[in-house]
Amino acid sequence: GLQLTGVTFSDPAAVRRLAQRLAAVAGRRLDDARPWVDARLPDGTRMHAVLPPVAVGSTCLSLRVVRPR
C-alpha cells in the first residue's frame, strides 16, 4: 500500500529534475515534447511521471517499489 515518507524537495524544479534523471536511467525521455513516461528502473521499481501542463501545477512523480519476497 501507500507509505508516507519524509522526502521533501526544495522547489518544483527539483521534482522535475529527479523525474527526468530517473527516466534517463530507464532509457526513456521526459521533456516538454514527451511530457509523460511510464518506465521500469533497473532495480524493478516502476515509475510514472507527468510534466506540466499535462500535470496541473507541477510535476507528478509516482514510484512503485518492488516488494522483496
N, C-alpha and C. Protein backbone atom coordinates (compact mmCIF):
# COMPACT_ATOMS: atom_id res chain seq x y z
N GLY A 1 0.80 -1.18 0.00
CA GLY A 1 0.00 0.00 0.00
C GLY A 1 0.85 1.26 0.00
N LEU A 2 0.22 2.38 0.07
CA LEU A 2 0.91 3.66 0.09
C LEU A 2 1.63 3.86 1.41
N GLN A 3 2.79 4.50 1.33
CA GLN A 3 3.55 4.82 2.53
C GLN A 3 3.94 6.29 2.49
N LEU A 4 3.73 6.98 3.59
CA LEU A 4 4.16 8.36 3.73
C LEU A 4 5.66 8.37 4.02
N THR A 5 6.40 9.22 3.31
CA THR A 5 7.84 9.33 3.54
C THR A 5 8.17 10.74 4.00
N GLY A 6 9.36 10.92 4.47
CA GLY A 6 9.82 12.24 4.89
C GLY A 6 10.54 12.99 3.78
N VAL A 7 10.44 12.51 2.55
CA VAL A 7 11.13 13.14 1.43
C VAL A 7 10.49 14.47 1.10
N THR A 8 11.31 15.51 0.99
CA THR A 8 10.84 16.83 0.59
C THR A 8 11.74 17.36 -0.52
N PHE A 9 11.25 18.32 -1.26
CA PHE A 9 12.01 18.92 -2.36
C PHE A 9 12.07 20.43 -2.15
N SER A 10 13.17 21.03 -2.59
CA SER A 10 13.37 22.46 -2.38
C SER A 10 12.42 23.31 -3.21
N ASP A 11 12.03 22.81 -4.38
CA ASP A 11 11.11 23.55 -5.25
C ASP A 11 10.59 22.60 -6.34
N PRO A 12 9.58 23.02 -7.10
CA PRO A 12 9.03 22.15 -8.15
C PRO A 12 10.06 21.73 -9.21
N ALA A 13 11.04 22.59 -9.47
CA ALA A 13 12.07 22.25 -10.46
C ALA A 13 12.89 21.05 -10.01
N ALA A 14 13.08 20.88 -8.70
CA ALA A 14 13.84 19.74 -8.18
C ALA A 14 13.10 18.43 -8.45
N VAL A 15 11.78 18.44 -8.35
CA VAL A 15 10.99 17.24 -8.65
C VAL A 15 11.12 16.91 -10.13
N ARG A 16 11.04 17.93 -10.97
CA ARG A 16 11.17 17.72 -12.42
C ARG A 16 12.53 17.13 -12.76
N ARG A 17 13.60 17.68 -12.17
CA ARG A 17 14.95 17.16 -12.44
C ARG A 17 15.07 15.70 -12.02
N LEU A 18 14.54 15.36 -10.85
CA LEU A 18 14.59 13.97 -10.39
C LEU A 18 13.84 13.06 -11.35
N ALA A 19 12.65 13.46 -11.75
CA ALA A 19 11.86 12.65 -12.68
C ALA A 19 12.59 12.46 -14.00
N GLN A 20 13.24 13.51 -14.50
CA GLN A 20 13.98 13.40 -15.75
C GLN A 20 15.19 12.50 -15.61
N ARG A 21 15.89 12.57 -14.48
CA ARG A 21 17.05 11.69 -14.25
C ARG A 21 16.61 10.23 -14.16
N LEU A 22 15.53 9.98 -13.44
CA LEU A 22 15.04 8.60 -13.32
C LEU A 22 14.60 8.06 -14.68
N ALA A 23 13.93 8.88 -15.47
CA ALA A 23 13.51 8.46 -16.81
C ALA A 23 14.73 8.12 -17.66
N ALA A 24 15.78 8.92 -17.57
CA ALA A 24 17.00 8.67 -18.33
C ALA A 24 17.64 7.35 -17.91
N VAL A 25 17.65 7.06 -16.61
CA VAL A 25 18.19 5.79 -16.12
C VAL A 25 17.42 4.62 -16.73
N ALA A 26 16.13 4.81 -16.93
CA ALA A 26 15.28 3.77 -17.52
C ALA A 26 15.36 3.76 -19.05
N GLY A 27 16.18 4.65 -19.62
CA GLY A 27 16.33 4.70 -21.06
C GLY A 27 15.18 5.41 -21.77
N ARG A 28 14.48 6.27 -21.05
CA ARG A 28 13.34 6.99 -21.60
C ARG A 28 13.58 8.49 -21.53
N ARG A 29 12.79 9.22 -22.30
CA ARG A 29 12.89 10.67 -22.35
C ARG A 29 11.70 11.29 -21.63
N LEU A 30 11.95 12.36 -20.89
CA LEU A 30 10.89 13.12 -20.24
C LEU A 30 11.23 14.59 -20.41
N ASP A 31 10.46 15.27 -21.26
CA ASP A 31 10.70 16.69 -21.53
C ASP A 31 9.42 17.31 -22.07
N ASP A 32 9.49 18.55 -22.50
CA ASP A 32 8.29 19.24 -22.97
C ASP A 32 7.67 18.56 -24.19
N ALA A 33 8.49 17.92 -25.03
CA ALA A 33 7.98 17.22 -26.21
C ALA A 33 7.34 15.88 -25.84
N ARG A 34 7.81 15.27 -24.76
CA ARG A 34 7.26 14.00 -24.25
C ARG A 34 7.00 14.17 -22.76
N PRO A 35 5.85 14.77 -22.41
CA PRO A 35 5.64 15.19 -21.03
C PRO A 35 5.15 14.10 -20.07
N TRP A 36 5.13 12.84 -20.49
CA TRP A 36 4.79 11.77 -19.55
C TRP A 36 5.60 10.53 -19.88
N VAL A 37 5.81 9.71 -18.87
CA VAL A 37 6.58 8.48 -19.07
C VAL A 37 6.12 7.42 -18.07
N ASP A 38 6.05 6.20 -18.55
CA ASP A 38 5.89 5.01 -17.71
C ASP A 38 7.12 4.17 -17.99
N ALA A 39 7.84 3.78 -16.96
CA ALA A 39 9.09 3.06 -17.18
C ALA A 39 9.40 2.15 -16.00
N ARG A 40 10.31 1.23 -16.24
CA ARG A 40 10.80 0.34 -15.18
C ARG A 40 12.29 0.63 -15.00
N LEU A 41 12.68 0.91 -13.77
CA LEU A 41 14.08 1.17 -13.45
C LEU A 41 14.84 -0.15 -13.34
N PRO A 42 16.17 -0.11 -13.43
CA PRO A 42 16.95 -1.35 -13.39
C PRO A 42 16.68 -2.25 -12.17
N ASP A 43 16.31 -1.66 -11.03
CA ASP A 43 16.04 -2.48 -9.83
C ASP A 43 14.62 -3.03 -9.80
N GLY A 44 13.83 -2.77 -10.85
CA GLY A 44 12.46 -3.26 -10.92
C GLY A 44 11.41 -2.26 -10.48
N THR A 45 11.84 -1.15 -9.88
CA THR A 45 10.90 -0.10 -9.48
C THR A 45 10.21 0.45 -10.72
N ARG A 46 8.90 0.62 -10.64
CA ARG A 46 8.16 1.21 -11.74
C ARG A 46 7.93 2.68 -11.45
N MET A 47 8.05 3.48 -12.49
CA MET A 47 7.85 4.92 -12.31
C MET A 47 6.84 5.45 -13.32
N HIS A 48 6.12 6.46 -12.90
CA HIS A 48 5.20 7.19 -13.77
C HIS A 48 5.44 8.66 -13.46
N ALA A 49 5.69 9.45 -14.48
CA ALA A 49 5.91 10.88 -14.28
C ALA A 49 5.17 11.66 -15.35
N VAL A 50 4.63 12.80 -14.94
CA VAL A 50 3.90 13.69 -15.85
C VAL A 50 4.34 15.12 -15.57
N LEU A 51 4.69 15.84 -16.64
CA LEU A 51 5.11 17.24 -16.52
C LEU A 51 3.95 18.18 -16.84
N PRO A 52 4.00 19.41 -16.31
CA PRO A 52 3.02 20.42 -16.71
C PRO A 52 3.20 20.74 -18.21
N PRO A 53 2.20 21.11 -18.92
CA PRO A 53 0.85 21.42 -18.46
C PRO A 53 -0.06 20.20 -18.39
N VAL A 54 0.43 19.01 -18.78
CA VAL A 54 -0.41 17.81 -18.66
C VAL A 54 -0.75 17.57 -17.19
N ALA A 55 0.26 17.67 -16.33
CA ALA A 55 0.03 17.63 -14.88
C ALA A 55 -0.29 19.06 -14.44
N VAL A 56 -1.33 19.21 -13.68
CA VAL A 56 -1.74 20.55 -13.25
C VAL A 56 -0.86 21.02 -12.09
N GLY A 57 -0.26 22.19 -12.25
CA GLY A 57 0.52 22.79 -11.17
C GLY A 57 2.00 22.49 -11.24
N SER A 58 2.37 21.24 -11.01
CA SER A 58 3.79 20.89 -11.04
C SER A 58 3.94 19.42 -11.43
N THR A 59 5.17 18.97 -11.55
CA THR A 59 5.47 17.59 -11.94
C THR A 59 4.85 16.60 -10.97
N CYS A 60 4.27 15.55 -11.52
CA CYS A 60 3.72 14.45 -10.72
C CYS A 60 4.64 13.25 -10.91
N LEU A 61 5.12 12.68 -9.82
CA LEU A 61 6.03 11.53 -9.88
C LEU A 61 5.53 10.45 -8.95
N SER A 62 5.39 9.25 -9.48
CA SER A 62 4.95 8.09 -8.70
C SER A 62 5.98 6.98 -8.86
N LEU A 63 6.43 6.42 -7.75
CA LEU A 63 7.36 5.29 -7.76
C LEU A 63 6.69 4.11 -7.09
N ARG A 64 6.70 2.97 -7.77
CA ARG A 64 6.13 1.75 -7.21
C ARG A 64 7.28 0.77 -7.01
N VAL A 65 7.67 0.59 -5.77
CA VAL A 65 8.84 -0.21 -5.42
C VAL A 65 8.44 -1.67 -5.32
N VAL A 66 9.28 -2.54 -5.89
CA VAL A 66 9.05 -3.98 -5.83
C VAL A 66 9.29 -4.45 -4.40
N ARG A 67 8.34 -5.16 -3.87
CA ARG A 67 8.46 -5.69 -2.51
C ARG A 67 9.29 -6.98 -2.54
N PRO A 68 10.31 -7.09 -1.68
CA PRO A 68 11.09 -8.33 -1.65
C PRO A 68 10.21 -9.50 -1.20
N ARG A 69 10.50 -10.67 -1.73
CA ARG A 69 9.70 -11.86 -1.38
C ARG A 69 10.35 -12.66 -0.30
